[in-house]
Amino acid sequence: MLQRGQPRPAVLAGLWYPSDPSRLSAMVQDYLRDAAPSPSAAPAAIVSPHAGYRYSGPTAGVAWSAAALRRPRRVIIVGPAHRVGFRGVSAGDFSSYRCPLGDIPVDRAAIAALDAEGLVTCVAEAHEEEHCIEIMLPFLAATFGTSVPMVPLLVGRATNAEVAAVLDRVVTPEDLLVVSTDLSHFLPYDVARQRDLATLDGVSRGETARLEGETACGFRGLAATLELASRRDWRVEILDYKNSGDTAGDRGRVVGYGAAALVPTPAL
């Protein structure tokens, strides 16, 4: 069983994305190179999907190409716990996350500070096979290298306010916040597209009323980030929308993917 302080293995390599470093690097670089459009300025946060790369890779490439407009001190990743239930927010208190492109170090001191304040715990088994953080890491490594540390956060049974409190405490202006979420799941193509575009329209206006499990699996992290955006005067720019029917799946049951950038409003 995975223990705190140990490396967290790359359990999806060879399944959801290539395990061969050369092939993986070429794939991710293709997604980044083909990405368009870009935000109006370097973002403080991005929203990126977390499915297998053949499905969500093009949209993730748009989000991460926006992130590349600046080099952050750290990358804070927040996403939903899909496999193991727990109360609150669990920080991945591991020495690093293994990735075929190089191991990504974890800022364990930041996690210890959050833990000491009662804002997070570490439910190690929730991170063991979870995909929403791991699927971000080849993009992180390709964009920033493997020397930029990260703070991995999984959201369990928590309120939006509880997640927002964690993000408000840990995210500094020198960091990049990454919200890992897909949109609707397993709807017919046209129904999914209509629902997802309505969700993204609300997100663009900072609205959280439409955000629930049926509209975005990472809805709590997304809602908390919109709360943070309101406090810090970030504006939301929607950069891309596709679903699996546009990429590699059939159109009978699709999953939606959105990319967004949250850009600080310039001071007057």
C-alpha atoms as a PDB file:
ATOM      1  CA  MET A   1       0.000   0.000   0.000  1.00  0.00           C
ATOM      2  CA  LEU A   2       1.165   3.510  -0.820  1.00  0.00           C
ATOM      3  CA  GLN A   3       2.601   5.353   2.178  1.00  0.00           C
ATOM      4  CA  ARG A   4       3.181   9.046   2.892  1.00  0.00           C
ATOM      5  CA  GLY A   5       6.683  10.186   1.975  1.00  0.00           C
ATOM      6  CA  GLN A   6       7.136   7.570  -0.760  1.00  0.00           C
ATOM      7  CA  PRO A   7       6.991   8.186  -4.540  1.00  0.00           C
ATOM      8  CA  ARG A   8       3.538   7.744  -6.009  1.00  0.00           C
ATOM      9  CA  PRO A   9       3.786   5.384  -9.061  1.00  0.00           C
ATOM     10  CA  ALA A  10       2.558   6.282 -12.545  1.00  0.00           C
ATOM     11  CA  VAL A  11      -0.274   3.751 -12.601  1.00  0.00           C
ATOM     12  CA  LEU A  12      -1.830   4.973 -15.875  1.00  0.00           C
ATOM     13  CA  ALA A  13       1.322   4.938 -17.997  1.00  0.00           C
ATOM     14  CA  GLY A  14       0.790   2.558 -20.894  1.00  0.00           C
ATOM     15  CA  LEU A  15      -2.982   2.665 -20.371  1.00  0.00           C
ATOM     16  CA  TRP A  16      -4.306   6.217 -20.561  1.00  0.00           C
ATOM     17  CA  TYR A  17      -1.156   7.647 -22.118  1.00  0.00           C
ATOM     18  CA  PRO A  18       2.094   6.153 -23.510  1.00  0.00           C
ATOM     19  CA  SER A  19       4.667   4.790 -21.087  1.00  0.00           C
ATOM     20  CA  ASP A  20       7.544   5.275 -23.528  1.00  0.00           C
ATOM     21  CA  PRO A  21       9.079   8.707 -22.773  1.00  0.00           C
ATOM     22  CA  SER A  22       9.900   9.549 -26.406  1.00  0.00           C
ATOM     23  CA  ARG A  23       6.439   8.661 -27.649  1.00  0.00           C
ATOM     24  CA  LEU A  24       4.743  10.425 -24.749  1.00  0.00           C
ATOM     25  CA  SER A  25       6.843  13.570 -25.186  1.00  0.00           C
ATOM     26  CA  ALA A  26       6.071  13.710 -28.901  1.00  0.00           C
ATOM     27  CA  MET A  27       2.347  13.257 -28.245  1.00  0.00           C
ATOM     28  CA  VAL A  28       2.149  15.975 -25.616  1.00  0.00           C
ATOM     29  CA  GLN A  29       4.260  18.371 -27.675  1.00  0.00           C
ATOM     30  CA  ASP A  30       1.897  17.803 -30.611  1.00  0.00           C
ATOM     31  CA  TYR A  31      -1.090  18.695 -28.441  1.00  0.00           C
ATOM     32  CA  LEU A  32       0.663  21.830 -27.181  1.00  0.00           C
ATOM     33  CA  ARG A  33       1.819  22.867 -30.659  1.00  0.00           C
ATOM     34  CA  ASP A  34      -1.622  22.410 -32.200  1.00  0.00           C
ATOM     35  CA  ALA A  35      -3.384  24.303 -29.422  1.00  0.00           C
ATOM     36  CA  ALA A  36      -5.364  27.469 -30.102  1.00  0.00           C
ATOM     37  CA  PRO A  37      -6.532  29.993 -29.070  1.00  0.00           C
ATOM     38  CA  SER A  38      -4.487  31.528 -26.256  1.00  0.00           C
ATOM     39  CA  PRO A  39      -5.743  33.726 -23.410  1.00  0.00           C
ATOM     40  CA  SER A  40      -5.335  37.492 -23.307  1.00  0.00           C
ATOM     41  CA  ALA A  41      -2.624  37.257 -20.632  1.00  0.00           C
ATOM     42  CA  ALA A  42      -0.686  34.725 -18.576  1.00  0.00           C
ATOM     43  CA  PRO A  43      -3.204  32.867 -16.378  1.00  0.00           C
ATOM     44  CA  ALA A  44      -3.214  32.480 -12.610  1.00  0.00           C
ATOM     45  CA  ALA A  45      -5.218  29.268 -13.072  1.00  0.00           C
ATOM     46  CA  ILE A  46      -6.328  26.894 -15.815  1.00  0.00           C
ATOM     47  CA  VAL A  47      -9.079  24.317 -16.201  1.00  0.00           C
ATOM     48  CA  SER A  48      -8.030  21.106 -17.958  1.00  0.00           C
ATOM     49  CA  PRO A  49      -9.738  17.736 -18.601  1.00  0.00           C
ATOM     50  CA  HIS A  50      -8.397  14.440 -17.291  1.00  0.00           C
ATOM     51  CA  ALA A  51      -9.479  11.616 -19.611  1.00  0.00           C
ATOM     52  CA  GLY A  52      -7.223   9.359 -21.654  1.00  0.00           C
ATOM     53  CA  TYR A  53      -5.132  11.400 -24.059  1.00  0.00           C
ATOM     54  CA  ARG A  54      -6.762  10.106 -27.241  1.00  0.00           C
ATOM     55  CA  TYR A  55     -10.019  11.582 -25.947  1.00  0.00           C
ATOM     56  CA  SER A  56      -9.119  14.743 -24.014  1.00  0.00           C
ATOM     57  CA  GLY A  57      -5.538  15.430 -25.097  1.00  0.00           C
ATOM     58  CA  PRO A  58      -6.364  18.138 -27.670  1.00  0.00           C
ATOM     59  CA  THR A  59      -8.364  20.166 -25.128  1.00  0.00           C
ATOM     60  CA  ALA A  60      -5.776  19.635 -22.391  1.00  0.00           C
ATOM     61  CA  GLY A  61      -3.171  20.916 -24.849  1.00  0.00           C
ATOM     62  CA  VAL A  62      -5.102  24.192 -25.177  1.00  0.00           C
ATOM     63  CA  ALA A  63      -5.209  24.640 -21.393  1.00  0.00           C
ATOM     64  CA  TRP A  64      -1.540  23.839 -20.860  1.00  0.00           C
ATOM     65  CA  SER A  65      -0.343  25.961 -23.780  1.00  0.00           C
ATOM     66  CA  ALA A  66      -2.034  28.860 -21.981  1.00  0.00           C
ATOM     67  CA  ALA A  67      -0.219  27.912 -18.771  1.00  0.00           C
ATOM     68  CA  ALA A  68       3.106  28.092 -20.624  1.00  0.00           C
ATOM     69  CA  LEU A  69       2.817  31.884 -20.898  1.00  0.00           C
ATOM     70  CA  ARG A  70       4.610  32.132 -17.551  1.00  0.00           C
ATOM     71  CA  ARG A  71       6.732  29.928 -15.310  1.00  0.00           C
ATOM     72  CA  PRO A  72       5.195  29.429 -11.857  1.00  0.00           C
ATOM     73  CA  ARG A  73       6.936  28.774  -8.563  1.00  0.00           C
ATOM     74  CA  ARG A  74       4.648  25.783  -7.929  1.00  0.00           C
ATOM     75  CA  VAL A  75       1.696  24.044  -9.519  1.00  0.00           C
ATOM     76  CA  ILE A  76      -1.361  23.419  -7.318  1.00  0.00           C
ATOM     77  CA  ILE A  77      -3.597  20.693  -8.788  1.00  0.00           C
ATOM     78  CA  VAL A  78      -7.124  20.151  -7.464  1.00  0.00           C
ATOM     79  CA  GLY A  79      -9.396  17.392  -8.708  1.00  0.00           C
ATOM     80  CA  PRO A  80     -12.148  15.005  -7.597  1.00  0.00           C
ATOM     81  CA  ALA A  81     -11.614  11.667  -5.879  1.00  0.00           C
ATOM     82  CA  HIS A  82     -13.246   9.118  -8.200  1.00  0.00           C
ATOM     83  CA  ARG A  83     -12.412   5.817  -6.485  1.00  0.00           C
ATOM     84  CA  VAL A  84     -12.192   6.195  -2.694  1.00  0.00           C
ATOM     85  CA  GLY A  85     -14.636   8.090  -0.509  1.00  0.00           C
ATOM     86  CA  PHE A  86     -13.471  10.313   2.352  1.00  0.00           C
ATOM     87  CA  ARG A  87     -14.413  13.515   4.135  1.00  0.00           C
ATOM     88  CA  GLY A  88     -12.724  16.802   3.241  1.00  0.00           C
ATOM     89  CA  VAL A  89      -9.648  17.441   1.089  1.00  0.00           C
ATOM     90  CA  SER A  90      -6.787  14.947   0.871  1.00  0.00           C
ATOM     91  CA  ALA A  91      -3.311  16.220  -0.022  1.00  0.00           C
ATOM     92  CA  GLY A  92      -0.958  13.804  -1.758  1.00  0.00           C
ATOM     93  CA  ASP A  93       1.780  13.832   0.877  1.00  0.00           C
ATOM     94  CA  PHE A  94       4.274  11.821  -1.188  1.00  0.00           C
ATOM     95  CA  SER A  95       7.894  12.560  -2.014  1.00  0.00           C
ATOM     96  CA  SER A  96       7.072  12.804  -5.716  1.00  0.00           C
ATOM     97  CA  TYR A  97       4.701  11.626  -8.413  1.00  0.00           C
ATOM     98  CA  ARG A  98       6.341   9.296 -10.909  1.00  0.00           C
ATOM     99  CA  CYS A  99       6.000  10.261 -14.578  1.00  0.00           C
ATOM    100  CA  PRO A 100       7.662   8.805 -17.698  1.00  0.00           C
ATOM    101  CA  LEU A 101       8.987  12.304 -18.461  1.00  0.00           C
ATOM    102  CA  GLY A 102      10.558  12.602 -15.002  1.00  0.00           C
ATOM    103  CA  ASP A 103       9.376  12.572 -11.405  1.00  0.00           C
ATOM    104  CA  ILE A 104       7.466  15.649 -10.189  1.00  0.00           C
ATOM    105  CA  PRO A 105       8.445  16.701  -6.636  1.00  0.00           C
ATOM    106  CA  VAL A 106       5.753  17.416  -4.049  1.00  0.00           C
ATOM    107  CA  ASP A 107       5.883  20.461  -1.768  1.00  0.00           C
ATOM    108  CA  ARG A 108       5.474  18.490   1.430  1.00  0.00           C
ATOM    109  CA  ALA A 109       6.186  21.546   3.603  1.00  0.00           C
ATOM    110  CA  ALA A 110       3.118  23.262   2.154  1.00  0.00           C
ATOM    111  CA  ILE A 111       1.046  20.139   2.827  1.00  0.00           C
ATOM    112  CA  ALA A 112       2.333  19.956   6.408  1.00  0.00           C
ATOM    113  CA  ALA A 113       1.268  23.562   6.968  1.00  0.00           C
ATOM    114  CA  LEU A 114      -2.229  22.886   5.598  1.00  0.00           C
ATOM    115  CA  ASP A 115      -2.461  19.736   7.724  1.00  0.00           C
ATOM    116  CA  ALA A 116      -1.403  21.634  10.849  1.00  0.00           C
ATOM    117  CA  GLU A 117      -4.217  24.121  10.271  1.00  0.00           C
ATOM    118  CA  GLY A 118      -6.768  21.322   9.885  1.00  0.00           C
ATOM    119  CA  LEU A 119      -7.473  22.188   6.246  1.00  0.00           C
ATOM    120  CA  VAL A 120      -6.360  18.862   4.721  1.00  0.00           C
ATOM    121  CA  THR A 121      -5.577  15.285   5.623  1.00  0.00           C
ATOM    122  CA  CYS A 122      -3.772  12.617   3.627  1.00  0.00           C
ATOM    123  CA  VAL A 123      -5.900   9.624   2.648  1.00  0.00           C
ATOM    124  CA  ALA A 124      -3.127   7.741   0.863  1.00  0.00           C
ATOM    125  CA  GLU A 125      -5.360   5.064  -0.651  1.00  0.00           C
ATOM    126  CA  ALA A 126      -7.461   7.723  -2.384  1.00  0.00           C
ATOM    127  CA  HIS A 127      -4.398   8.786  -4.393  1.00  0.00           C
ATOM    128  CA  GLU A 128      -3.161   5.284  -5.167  1.00  0.00           C
ATOM    129  CA  GLU A 129      -5.113   4.715  -8.409  1.00  0.00           C
ATOM    130  CA  GLU A 130      -6.668   8.152  -8.923  1.00  0.00           C
ATOM    131  CA  HIS A 131      -6.323   9.541 -12.457  1.00  0.00           C
ATOM    132  CA  CYS A 132      -7.336  13.200 -12.181  1.00  0.00           C
ATOM    133  CA  ILE A 133      -3.918  14.371 -10.968  1.00  0.00           C
ATOM    134  CA  GLU A 134      -1.690  11.864 -12.755  1.00  0.00           C
ATOM    135  CA  ILE A 135      -3.115  12.720 -16.176  1.00  0.00           C
ATOM    136  CA  MET A 136      -1.923  16.335 -15.693  1.00  0.00           C
ATOM    137  CA  LEU A 137       1.690  15.406 -15.013  1.00  0.00           C
ATOM    138  CA  PRO A 138       3.093  14.745 -18.520  1.00  0.00           C
ATOM    139  CA  PHE A 139       1.688  18.143 -19.539  1.00  0.00           C
ATOM    140  CA  LEU A 140       3.249  19.733 -16.454  1.00  0.00           C
ATOM    141  CA  ALA A 141       6.623  18.110 -17.202  1.00  0.00           C
ATOM    142  CA  ALA A 142       6.510  19.045 -20.887  1.00  0.00           C
ATOM    143  CA  THR A 143       5.541  22.634 -20.090  1.00  0.00           C
ATOM    144  CA  PHE A 144       7.731  23.458 -17.093  1.00  0.00           C
ATOM    145  CA  GLY A 145      10.189  20.581 -16.688  1.00  0.00           C
ATOM    146  CA  THR A 146      10.412  18.483 -13.557  1.00  0.00           C
ATOM    147  CA  SER A 147      11.942  20.988 -11.127  1.00  0.00           C
ATOM    148  CA  VAL A 148       8.704  22.880 -10.415  1.00  0.00           C
ATOM    149  CA  PRO A 149       7.083  21.272  -7.353  1.00  0.00           C
ATOM    150  CA  MET A 150       3.382  20.622  -7.035  1.00  0.00           C
ATOM    151  CA  VAL A 151       0.710  20.383  -4.355  1.00  0.00           C
ATOM    152  CA  PRO A 152      -1.752  17.578  -5.289  1.00  0.00           C
ATOM    153  CA  LEU A 153      -5.233  17.953  -3.769  1.00  0.00           C
ATOM    154  CA  LEU A 154      -8.123  15.493  -4.023  1.00  0.00           C
ATOM    155  CA  VAL A 155     -11.617  16.622  -3.072  1.00  0.00           C
ATOM    156  CA  GLY A 156     -13.866  14.164  -1.286  1.00  0.00           C
ATOM    157  CA  ARG A 157     -17.101  14.932   0.580  1.00  0.00           C
ATOM    158  CA  ALA A 158     -16.466  18.617   1.139  1.00  0.00           C
ATOM    159  CA  THR A 159     -18.353  21.854   0.690  1.00  0.00           C
ATOM    160  CA  ASN A 160     -17.316  24.400  -1.889  1.00  0.00           C
ATOM    161  CA  ALA A 161     -16.414  26.746   0.978  1.00  0.00           C
ATOM    162  CA  GLU A 162     -14.108  24.149   2.545  1.00  0.00           C
ATOM    163  CA  VAL A 163     -12.266  23.634  -0.741  1.00  0.00           C
ATOM    164  CA  ALA A 164     -12.067  27.391  -1.312  1.00  0.00           C
ATOM    165  CA  ALA A 165     -10.484  27.808   2.149  1.00  0.00           C
ATOM    166  CA  VAL A 166      -7.716  25.368   1.193  1.00  0.00           C
ATOM    167  CA  LEU A 167      -7.058  27.065  -2.123  1.00  0.00           C
ATOM    168  CA  ASP A 168      -7.121  30.540  -0.604  1.00  0.00           C
ATOM    169  CA  ARG A 169      -4.536  29.449   1.943  1.00  0.00           C
ATOM    170  CA  VAL A 170      -2.131  27.643  -0.389  1.00  0.00           C
ATOM    171  CA  VAL A 171      -2.291  29.453  -3.760  1.00  0.00           C
ATOM    172  CA  THR A 172       0.021  32.463  -4.026  1.00  0.00           C
ATOM    173  CA  PRO A 173       0.433  34.892  -6.953  1.00  0.00           C
ATOM    174  CA  GLU A 174       3.600  33.001  -7.926  1.00  0.00           C
ATOM    175  CA  ASP A 175       1.740  29.690  -8.292  1.00  0.00           C
ATOM    176  CA  LEU A 176      -0.337  28.156 -11.064  1.00  0.00           C
ATOM    177  CA  LEU A 177      -3.631  26.605  -9.993  1.00  0.00           C
ATOM    178  CA  VAL A 178      -4.841  23.717 -12.164  1.00  0.00           C
ATOM    179  CA  VAL A 179      -8.460  22.569 -11.912  1.00  0.00           C
ATOM    180  CA  SER A 180      -8.724  18.996 -13.187  1.00  0.00           C
ATOM    181  CA  THR A 181     -12.244  18.198 -14.362  1.00  0.00           C
ATOM    182  CA  ASP A 182     -14.268  16.717 -17.177  1.00  0.00           C
ATOM    183  CA  LEU A 183     -17.773  17.946 -17.954  1.00  0.00           C
ATOM    184  CA  SER A 184     -20.913  15.856 -18.592  1.00  0.00           C
ATOM    185  CA  HIS A 185     -20.616  12.077 -18.815  1.00  0.00           C
ATOM    186  CA  PHE A 186     -22.209   9.516 -21.151  1.00  0.00           C
ATOM    187  CA  LEU A 187     -24.902  11.632 -22.802  1.00  0.00           C
ATOM    188  CA  PRO A 188     -25.734  11.664 -26.524  1.00  0.00           C
ATOM    189  CA  TYR A 189     -23.519  14.056 -28.484  1.00  0.00           C
ATOM    190  CA  ASP A 190     -26.017  16.872 -29.047  1.00  0.00           C
ATOM    191  CA  VAL A 191     -27.408  16.705 -25.514  1.00  0.00           C
ATOM    192  CA  ALA A 192     -23.906  16.761 -24.030  1.00  0.00           C
ATOM    193  CA  ARG A 193     -22.812  19.656 -26.194  1.00  0.00           C
ATOM    194  CA  GLN A 194     -25.824  21.759 -25.208  1.00  0.00           C
ATOM    195  CA  ARG A 195     -25.370  21.013 -21.516  1.00  0.00           C
ATOM    196  CA  ASP A 196     -21.602  21.539 -21.533  1.00  0.00           C
ATOM    197  CA  LEU A 197     -21.744  24.837 -23.399  1.00  0.00           C
ATOM    198  CA  ALA A 198     -24.339  26.074 -20.904  1.00  0.00           C
ATOM    199  CA  THR A 199     -22.034  24.997 -18.059  1.00  0.00           C
ATOM    200  CA  LEU A 200     -19.053  26.794 -19.597  1.00  0.00           C
ATOM    201  CA  ASP A 201     -21.157  29.892 -20.211  1.00  0.00           C
ATOM    202  CA  GLY A 202     -21.973  29.985 -16.501  1.00  0.00           C
ATOM    203  CA  VAL A 203     -18.339  29.392 -15.588  1.00  0.00           C
ATOM    204  CA  SER A 204     -17.297  32.300 -17.814  1.00  0.00           C
ATOM    205  CA  ARG A 205     -19.520  34.559 -15.688  1.00  0.00           C
ATOM    206  CA  GLY A 206     -18.294  33.125 -12.401  1.00  0.00           C
ATOM    207  CA  GLU A 207     -21.587  31.367 -11.684  1.00  0.00           C
ATOM    208  CA  THR A 208     -21.603  28.179  -9.639  1.00  0.00           C
ATOM    209  CA  ALA A 209     -25.332  27.368  -9.643  1.00  0.00           C
ATOM    210  CA  ARG A 210     -25.054  24.902 -12.550  1.00  0.00           C
ATOM    211  CA  LEU A 211     -22.013  23.145 -11.114  1.00  0.00           C
ATOM    212  CA  GLU A 212     -22.853  19.708  -9.754  1.00  0.00           C
ATOM    213  CA  GLY A 213     -21.730  16.146 -10.292  1.00  0.00           C
ATOM    214  CA  GLU A 214     -23.773  15.743 -13.473  1.00  0.00           C
ATOM    215  CA  THR A 215     -22.263  18.821 -15.128  1.00  0.00           C
ATOM    216  CA  ALA A 216     -18.609  18.476 -14.040  1.00  0.00           C
ATOM    217  CA  CYS A 217     -17.030  15.685 -12.008  1.00  0.00           C
ATOM    218  CA  GLY A 218     -14.591  18.191 -10.486  1.00  0.00           C
ATOM    219  CA  PHE A 219     -17.369  20.665  -9.725  1.00  0.00           C
ATOM    220  CA  ARG A 220     -16.268  21.422  -6.175  1.00  0.00           C
ATOM    221  CA  GLY A 221     -12.722  22.330  -7.180  1.00  0.00           C
ATOM    222  CA  LEU A 222     -14.093  24.382 -10.055  1.00  0.00           C
ATOM    223  CA  ALA A 223     -16.632  26.176  -7.861  1.00  0.00           C
ATOM    224  CA  ALA A 224     -13.960  26.880  -5.242  1.00  0.00           C
ATOM    225  CA  THR A 225     -11.685  28.293  -7.939  1.00  0.00           C
ATOM    226  CA  LEU A 226     -14.455  30.597  -9.143  1.00  0.00           C
ATOM    227  CA  GLU A 227     -14.829  31.792  -5.545  1.00  0.00           C
ATOM    228  CA  LEU A 228     -11.077  32.437  -5.441  1.00  0.00           C
ATOM    229  CA  ALA A 229     -11.340  34.271  -8.766  1.00  0.00           C
ATOM    230  CA  SER A 230     -13.971  36.565  -7.277  1.00  0.00           C
ATOM    231  CA  ARG A 231     -11.761  37.343  -4.284  1.00  0.00           C
ATOM    232  CA  ARG A 232      -8.637  37.918  -6.377  1.00  0.00           C
ATOM    233  CA  ASP A 233     -10.198  39.640  -9.376  1.00  0.00           C
ATOM    234  CA  TRP A 234      -9.445  36.974 -11.977  1.00  0.00           C
ATOM    235  CA  ARG A 235     -11.592  36.844 -15.098  1.00  0.00           C
ATOM    236  CA  VAL A 236     -12.500  33.564 -16.799  1.00  0.00           C
ATOM    237  CA  GLU A 237     -11.718  33.017 -20.469  1.00  0.00           C
ATOM    238  CA  ILE A 238     -13.122  29.857 -22.090  1.00  0.00           C
ATOM    239  CA  LEU A 239     -10.531  28.574 -24.549  1.00  0.00           C
ATOM    240  CA  ASP A 240     -11.877  25.309 -25.968  1.00  0.00           C
ATOM    241  CA  TYR A 241     -14.684  22.787 -25.872  1.00  0.00           C
ATOM    242  CA  LYS A 242     -14.787  19.303 -27.338  1.00  0.00           C
ATOM    243  CA  ASN A 243     -16.215  15.976 -26.323  1.00  0.00           C
ATOM    244  CA  SER A 244     -15.154  12.415 -26.960  1.00  0.00           C
ATOM    245  CA  GLY A 245     -17.427  12.314 -30.008  1.00  0.00           C
ATOM    246  CA  ASP A 246     -15.190  14.970 -31.582  1.00  0.00           C
ATOM    247  CA  THR A 247     -11.960  13.112 -30.851  1.00  0.00           C
ATOM    248  CA  ALA A 248     -11.888   9.328 -30.538  1.00  0.00           C
ATOM    249  CA  GLY A 249     -15.271   8.060 -29.364  1.00  0.00           C
ATOM    250  CA  ASP A 250     -18.689   7.339 -30.790  1.00  0.00           C
ATOM    251  CA  ARG A 251     -21.423   9.961 -30.490  1.00  0.00           C
ATOM    252  CA  GLY A 252     -23.934   7.835 -28.631  1.00  0.00           C
ATOM    253  CA  ARG A 253     -22.360   8.284 -25.177  1.00  0.00           C
ATOM    254  CA  VAL A 254     -19.792  11.060 -24.878  1.00  0.00           C
ATOM    255  CA  VAL A 255     -17.775  12.824 -22.177  1.00  0.00           C
ATOM    256  CA  GLY A 256     -17.301  16.592 -22.351  1.00  0.00           C
ATOM    257  CA  TYR A 257     -13.983  18.435 -22.066  1.00  0.00           C
ATOM    258  CA  GLY A 258     -13.419  22.142 -21.513  1.00  0.00           C
ATOM    259  CA  ALA A 259     -10.303  24.322 -21.303  1.00  0.00           C
ATOM    260  CA  ALA A 260     -10.292  27.685 -19.581  1.00  0.00           C
ATOM    261  CA  ALA A 261      -7.838  30.269 -18.290  1.00  0.00           C
ATOM    262  CA  LEU A 262      -8.370  32.493 -15.258  1.00  0.00           C
ATOM    263  CA  VAL A 263      -6.493  35.703 -15.932  1.00  0.00           C
ATOM    264  CA  PRO A 264      -5.740  38.453 -13.376  1.00  0.00           C
ATOM    265  CA  THR A 265      -7.509  41.710 -14.222  1.00  0.00           C
ATOM    266  CA  PRO A 266      -4.880  44.415 -14.874  1.00  0.00           C
ATOM    267  CA  ALA A 267      -4.617  47.112 -12.218  1.00  0.00           C
ATOM    268  CA  LEU A 268      -5.783  50.548 -13.390  1.00  0.00           C
END
